[in-house]
Amino acid sequence: MENGVLYYLWMEESFERKLLVVPRCLREEFIKFCHENLLGGGYFSSKKTKQKVKQDGFWYGLDIVCSLFIRVCPTCDRWKKPNRKRKGNLTSYQAGTVLDRVHIDLIGPISQSKSGSIWILMVVCQFSRWVESFSIENAKAETVASKLVLKFMARYGIFQDCQGVPV
């Protein structure tokens, strides 16, 4: 402690250095000063900001606090690139005939019916918008496939393409 200010003595083999122990109430302002660094061009990366803070200051959990501060920095957030991969362009597919493409979805679990079913299997033709629904006991692939083959395909035939939502 010197003149009422607490320092941490950093000792290495070749030299020792005094680091200011930054009080909790001043840490954000201290990081902001090092991060913005108006004299050196401003708004350093997380790594460079941590290095700059560690040159002059010290406290327990410094790395985590610096990372969190930079993550929510409004100026950096406005200018940094998004961390998302680009996705392909959306395309539309138009069915040309009845049962060219069907959409399959499961609804449930819902309250149990008299037959013991708690799921509803819906099949919608994209071209005609015809809806068929079947009650099933569970959402297993075998049950869904069995109901599709025995109740839908046996009656209407095989469809060309199928859009489904996995459970």
C-alpha atoms as a PDB file:
ATOM      1  CA  MET A   1       0.000   0.000   0.000  1.00  0.00           C
ATOM      2  CA  GLU A   2       1.343   3.404  -1.019  1.00  0.00           C
ATOM      3  CA  ASN A   3      -0.407   6.706  -0.231  1.00  0.00           C
ATOM      4  CA  GLY A   4      -3.655   4.858   0.527  1.00  0.00           C
ATOM      5  CA  VAL A   5      -3.578   2.960  -2.781  1.00  0.00           C
ATOM      6  CA  LEU A   6      -3.310  -0.824  -2.803  1.00  0.00           C
ATOM      7  CA  TYR A   7      -0.824  -2.377  -5.242  1.00  0.00           C
ATOM      8  CA  TYR A   8      -0.078  -5.972  -6.166  1.00  0.00           C
ATOM      9  CA  LEU A   9       3.628  -6.727  -6.524  1.00  0.00           C
ATOM     10  CA  TRP A  10       4.164  -8.758  -9.700  1.00  0.00           C
ATOM     11  CA  MET A  11       7.482 -10.551  -9.512  1.00  0.00           C
ATOM     12  CA  GLU A  12       9.246 -12.286 -12.384  1.00  0.00           C
ATOM     13  CA  GLU A  13      12.801 -13.558 -12.655  1.00  0.00           C
ATOM     14  CA  SER A  14      14.228 -10.438 -14.252  1.00  0.00           C
ATOM     15  CA  PHE A  15      12.021  -7.672 -12.811  1.00  0.00           C
ATOM     16  CA  GLU A  16       9.193  -6.769 -10.508  1.00  0.00           C
ATOM     17  CA  ARG A  17       6.318  -4.424 -11.183  1.00  0.00           C
ATOM     18  CA  LYS A  18       3.574  -2.797  -9.116  1.00  0.00           C
ATOM     19  CA  LEU A  19       0.052  -3.310 -10.424  1.00  0.00           C
ATOM     20  CA  LEU A  20      -2.868  -1.254  -9.194  1.00  0.00           C
ATOM     21  CA  VAL A  21      -5.509  -3.382  -7.427  1.00  0.00           C
ATOM     22  CA  VAL A  22      -8.584  -1.882  -9.058  1.00  0.00           C
ATOM     23  CA  PRO A  23     -11.603  -1.544  -6.733  1.00  0.00           C
ATOM     24  CA  ARG A  24     -14.789  -3.290  -7.889  1.00  0.00           C
ATOM     25  CA  CYS A  25     -16.618   0.026  -8.413  1.00  0.00           C
ATOM     26  CA  LEU A  26     -13.929   1.291 -10.852  1.00  0.00           C
ATOM     27  CA  ARG A  27     -13.261  -1.884 -12.858  1.00  0.00           C
ATOM     28  CA  GLU A  28     -15.726  -1.141 -15.655  1.00  0.00           C
ATOM     29  CA  GLU A  29     -14.341   2.377 -16.117  1.00  0.00           C
ATOM     30  CA  PHE A  30     -10.764   1.010 -16.041  1.00  0.00           C
ATOM     31  CA  ILE A  31     -11.563  -1.584 -18.738  1.00  0.00           C
ATOM     32  CA  LYS A  32     -13.424   1.012 -20.797  1.00  0.00           C
ATOM     33  CA  PHE A  33     -10.385   3.304 -20.744  1.00  0.00           C
ATOM     34  CA  CYS A  34      -8.067   0.472 -21.838  1.00  0.00           C
ATOM     35  CA  HIS A  35     -10.543  -0.810 -24.457  1.00  0.00           C
ATOM     36  CA  GLU A  36     -11.334   2.516 -26.092  1.00  0.00           C
ATOM     37  CA  ASN A  37      -7.763   3.834 -25.767  1.00  0.00           C
ATOM     38  CA  LEU A  38      -8.422   7.172 -27.392  1.00  0.00           C
ATOM     39  CA  LEU A  39      -4.680   7.822 -27.732  1.00  0.00           C
ATOM     40  CA  GLY A  40      -3.958   4.602 -29.661  1.00  0.00           C
ATOM     41  CA  GLY A  41      -6.772   4.393 -32.189  1.00  0.00           C
ATOM     42  CA  GLY A  42      -9.463   2.883 -30.016  1.00  0.00           C
ATOM     43  CA  TYR A  43     -11.579  -0.245 -29.528  1.00  0.00           C
ATOM     44  CA  PHE A  44      -9.058  -3.040 -29.194  1.00  0.00           C
ATOM     45  CA  SER A  45      -9.975  -6.708 -29.437  1.00  0.00           C
ATOM     46  CA  SER A  46     -10.656  -8.796 -26.351  1.00  0.00           C
ATOM     47  CA  LYS A  47      -7.100 -10.158 -26.295  1.00  0.00           C
ATOM     48  CA  LYS A  48      -5.420  -6.750 -26.660  1.00  0.00           C
ATOM     49  CA  THR A  49      -7.713  -5.152 -24.099  1.00  0.00           C
ATOM     50  CA  LYS A  50      -6.870  -7.864 -21.547  1.00  0.00           C
ATOM     51  CA  GLN A  51      -3.154  -7.341 -22.194  1.00  0.00           C
ATOM     52  CA  LYS A  52      -3.505  -3.596 -21.707  1.00  0.00           C
ATOM     53  CA  VAL A  53      -5.512  -4.017 -18.477  1.00  0.00           C
ATOM     54  CA  LYS A  54      -2.932  -6.519 -17.152  1.00  0.00           C
ATOM     55  CA  GLN A  55      -0.086  -4.037 -17.776  1.00  0.00           C
ATOM     56  CA  ASP A  56      -1.389  -1.654 -15.126  1.00  0.00           C
ATOM     57  CA  GLY A  57      -4.178  -3.328 -13.136  1.00  0.00           C
ATOM     58  CA  PHE A  58      -4.977  -6.455 -11.200  1.00  0.00           C
ATOM     59  CA  TRP A  59      -7.997  -8.198  -9.665  1.00  0.00           C
ATOM     60  CA  TYR A  60      -9.327 -11.717  -9.354  1.00  0.00           C
ATOM     61  CA  GLY A  61     -11.348 -12.775 -12.434  1.00  0.00           C
ATOM     62  CA  LEU A  62      -9.926 -10.054 -14.686  1.00  0.00           C
ATOM     63  CA  ASP A  63     -10.116 -12.182 -17.873  1.00  0.00           C
ATOM     64  CA  ILE A  64     -13.802 -13.012 -17.445  1.00  0.00           C
ATOM     65  CA  VAL A  65     -14.816  -9.435 -16.622  1.00  0.00           C
ATOM     66  CA  CYS A  66     -12.906  -8.089 -19.648  1.00  0.00           C
ATOM     67  CA  SER A  67     -14.483 -10.640 -21.995  1.00  0.00           C
ATOM     68  CA  LEU A  68     -17.985  -9.839 -20.744  1.00  0.00           C
ATOM     69  CA  PHE A  69     -17.386  -6.094 -21.048  1.00  0.00           C
ATOM     70  CA  ILE A  70     -16.211  -6.376 -24.662  1.00  0.00           C
ATOM     71  CA  ARG A  71     -19.045  -8.765 -25.570  1.00  0.00           C
ATOM     72  CA  VAL A  72     -21.620  -6.108 -24.607  1.00  0.00           C
ATOM     73  CA  CYS A  73     -19.699  -3.072 -25.889  1.00  0.00           C
ATOM     74  CA  PRO A  74     -22.263  -1.215 -28.057  1.00  0.00           C
ATOM     75  CA  THR A  75     -19.658   0.293 -30.406  1.00  0.00           C
ATOM     76  CA  CYS A  76     -17.941  -3.051 -31.050  1.00  0.00           C
ATOM     77  CA  ASP A  77     -21.300  -4.766 -31.449  1.00  0.00           C
ATOM     78  CA  ARG A  78     -22.301  -2.266 -34.122  1.00  0.00           C
ATOM     79  CA  TRP A  79     -19.148  -2.774 -36.200  1.00  0.00           C
ATOM     80  CA  LYS A  80     -18.075  -6.376 -35.721  1.00  0.00           C
ATOM     81  CA  LYS A  81     -19.028  -9.055 -38.226  1.00  0.00           C
ATOM     82  CA  PRO A  82     -21.767 -11.493 -37.255  1.00  0.00           C
ATOM     83  CA  ASN A  83     -20.553 -14.893 -36.114  1.00  0.00           C
ATOM     84  CA  ARG A  84     -23.007 -16.820 -38.291  1.00  0.00           C
ATOM     85  CA  LYS A  85     -22.454 -18.921 -41.361  1.00  0.00           C
ATOM     86  CA  ARG A  86     -24.355 -17.881 -44.439  1.00  0.00           C
ATOM     87  CA  LYS A  87     -27.170 -20.129 -45.427  1.00  0.00           C
ATOM     88  CA  GLY A  88     -28.262 -20.937 -48.935  1.00  0.00           C
ATOM     89  CA  ASN A  89     -30.976 -18.971 -50.653  1.00  0.00           C
ATOM     90  CA  LEU A  90     -34.522 -20.117 -50.129  1.00  0.00           C
ATOM     91  CA  THR A  91     -36.138 -21.650 -53.149  1.00  0.00           C
ATOM     92  CA  SER A  92     -39.738 -22.479 -53.812  1.00  0.00           C
ATOM     93  CA  TYR A  93     -40.922 -25.806 -55.100  1.00  0.00           C
ATOM     94  CA  GLN A  94     -44.232 -26.066 -56.875  1.00  0.00           C
ATOM     95  CA  ALA A  95     -45.941 -29.423 -57.071  1.00  0.00           C
ATOM     96  CA  GLY A  96     -47.207 -30.103 -60.603  1.00  0.00           C
ATOM     97  CA  THR A  97     -49.825 -32.760 -59.868  1.00  0.00           C
ATOM     98  CA  VAL A  98     -51.836 -34.268 -57.058  1.00  0.00           C
ATOM     99  CA  LEU A  99     -49.619 -36.240 -54.643  1.00  0.00           C
ATOM    100  CA  ASP A 100     -46.458 -34.954 -56.315  1.00  0.00           C
ATOM    101  CA  ARG A 101     -45.343 -33.758 -52.901  1.00  0.00           C
ATOM    102  CA  VAL A 102     -46.878 -34.302 -49.467  1.00  0.00           C
ATOM    103  CA  HIS A 103     -46.140 -32.696 -46.122  1.00  0.00           C
ATOM    104  CA  ILE A 104     -46.187 -34.880 -43.022  1.00  0.00           C
ATOM    105  CA  ASP A 105     -46.441 -33.639 -39.455  1.00  0.00           C
ATOM    106  CA  LEU A 106     -47.205 -34.995 -36.008  1.00  0.00           C
ATOM    107  CA  ILE A 107     -49.470 -33.277 -33.501  1.00  0.00           C
ATOM    108  CA  GLY A 108     -49.249 -34.235 -29.867  1.00  0.00           C
ATOM    109  CA  PRO A 109     -49.016 -35.670 -27.378  1.00  0.00           C
ATOM    110  CA  ILE A 110     -52.653 -34.802 -26.693  1.00  0.00           C
ATOM    111  CA  SER A 111     -55.222 -36.291 -24.341  1.00  0.00           C
ATOM    112  CA  GLN A 112     -55.695 -40.007 -24.874  1.00  0.00           C
ATOM    113  CA  SER A 113     -58.543 -41.136 -27.121  1.00  0.00           C
ATOM    114  CA  LYS A 114     -60.794 -44.138 -26.516  1.00  0.00           C
ATOM    115  CA  SER A 115     -58.560 -46.189 -28.806  1.00  0.00           C
ATOM    116  CA  GLY A 116     -55.467 -45.257 -26.763  1.00  0.00           C
ATOM    117  CA  SER A 117     -53.962 -42.855 -29.307  1.00  0.00           C
ATOM    118  CA  ILE A 118     -52.182 -39.689 -28.141  1.00  0.00           C
ATOM    119  CA  TRP A 119     -50.692 -38.482 -31.457  1.00  0.00           C
ATOM    120  CA  ILE A 120     -52.237 -37.290 -34.723  1.00  0.00           C
ATOM    121  CA  LEU A 121     -50.402 -37.933 -37.991  1.00  0.00           C
ATOM    122  CA  MET A 122     -51.277 -35.312 -40.628  1.00  0.00           C
ATOM    123  CA  VAL A 123     -50.580 -35.725 -44.337  1.00  0.00           C
ATOM    124  CA  VAL A 124     -51.193 -32.716 -46.619  1.00  0.00           C
ATOM    125  CA  CYS A 125     -50.950 -32.742 -50.430  1.00  0.00           C
ATOM    126  CA  GLN A 126     -49.102 -29.582 -51.518  1.00  0.00           C
ATOM    127  CA  PHE A 127     -50.918 -29.329 -54.865  1.00  0.00           C
ATOM    128  CA  SER A 128     -54.535 -29.901 -53.816  1.00  0.00           C
ATOM    129  CA  ARG A 129     -54.196 -28.994 -50.105  1.00  0.00           C
ATOM    130  CA  TRP A 130     -56.044 -32.227 -49.267  1.00  0.00           C
ATOM    131  CA  VAL A 131     -55.603 -33.163 -45.601  1.00  0.00           C
ATOM    132  CA  GLU A 132     -55.703 -36.650 -44.166  1.00  0.00           C
ATOM    133  CA  SER A 133     -55.226 -37.278 -40.452  1.00  0.00           C
ATOM    134  CA  PHE A 134     -54.717 -40.510 -38.538  1.00  0.00           C
ATOM    135  CA  SER A 135     -54.574 -41.201 -34.820  1.00  0.00           C
ATOM    136  CA  ILE A 136     -51.519 -43.152 -33.657  1.00  0.00           C
ATOM    137  CA  GLU A 137     -50.374 -44.512 -30.291  1.00  0.00           C
ATOM    138  CA  ASN A 138     -46.787 -43.209 -30.344  1.00  0.00           C
ATOM    139  CA  ALA A 139     -44.411 -41.060 -32.412  1.00  0.00           C
ATOM    140  CA  LYS A 140     -41.990 -43.837 -33.353  1.00  0.00           C
ATOM    141  CA  ALA A 141     -40.804 -44.053 -36.956  1.00  0.00           C
ATOM    142  CA  GLU A 142     -42.149 -47.600 -37.351  1.00  0.00           C
ATOM    143  CA  THR A 143     -45.641 -46.535 -36.273  1.00  0.00           C
ATOM    144  CA  VAL A 144     -45.673 -43.499 -38.580  1.00  0.00           C
ATOM    145  CA  ALA A 145     -44.348 -45.502 -41.563  1.00  0.00           C
ATOM    146  CA  SER A 146     -46.838 -48.309 -40.958  1.00  0.00           C
ATOM    147  CA  LYS A 147     -49.788 -45.893 -40.822  1.00  0.00           C
ATOM    148  CA  LEU A 148     -48.582 -44.079 -43.963  1.00  0.00           C
ATOM    149  CA  VAL A 149     -48.224 -47.286 -45.976  1.00  0.00           C
ATOM    150  CA  LEU A 150     -51.343 -49.095 -44.763  1.00  0.00           C
ATOM    151  CA  LYS A 151     -53.788 -46.180 -44.559  1.00  0.00           C
ATOM    152  CA  PHE A 152     -52.557 -43.467 -46.953  1.00  0.00           C
ATOM    153  CA  MET A 153     -50.478 -45.070 -49.710  1.00  0.00           C
ATOM    154  CA  ALA A 154     -52.746 -48.100 -49.986  1.00  0.00           C
ATOM    155  CA  ARG A 155     -55.656 -45.767 -50.701  1.00  0.00           C
ATOM    156  CA  TYR A 156     -54.070 -42.963 -52.796  1.00  0.00           C
ATOM    157  CA  GLY A 157     -50.817 -44.380 -54.156  1.00  0.00           C
ATOM    158  CA  ILE A 158     -47.162 -43.472 -53.726  1.00  0.00           C
ATOM    159  CA  PHE A 159     -46.147 -39.805 -53.599  1.00  0.00           C
ATOM    160  CA  GLN A 160     -43.077 -38.399 -55.369  1.00  0.00           C
ATOM    161  CA  ASP A 161     -41.602 -36.295 -52.571  1.00  0.00           C
ATOM    162  CA  CYS A 162     -42.155 -35.905 -48.863  1.00  0.00           C
ATOM    163  CA  GLN A 163     -41.530 -32.994 -46.494  1.00  0.00           C
ATOM    164  CA  GLY A 164     -41.623 -33.921 -42.835  1.00  0.00           C
ATOM    165  CA  VAL A 165     -40.729 -32.452 -39.485  1.00  0.00           C
ATOM    166  CA  PRO A 166     -38.624 -34.811 -37.321  1.00  0.00           C
ATOM    167  CA  VAL A 167     -39.769 -35.386 -33.748  1.00  0.00           C
END
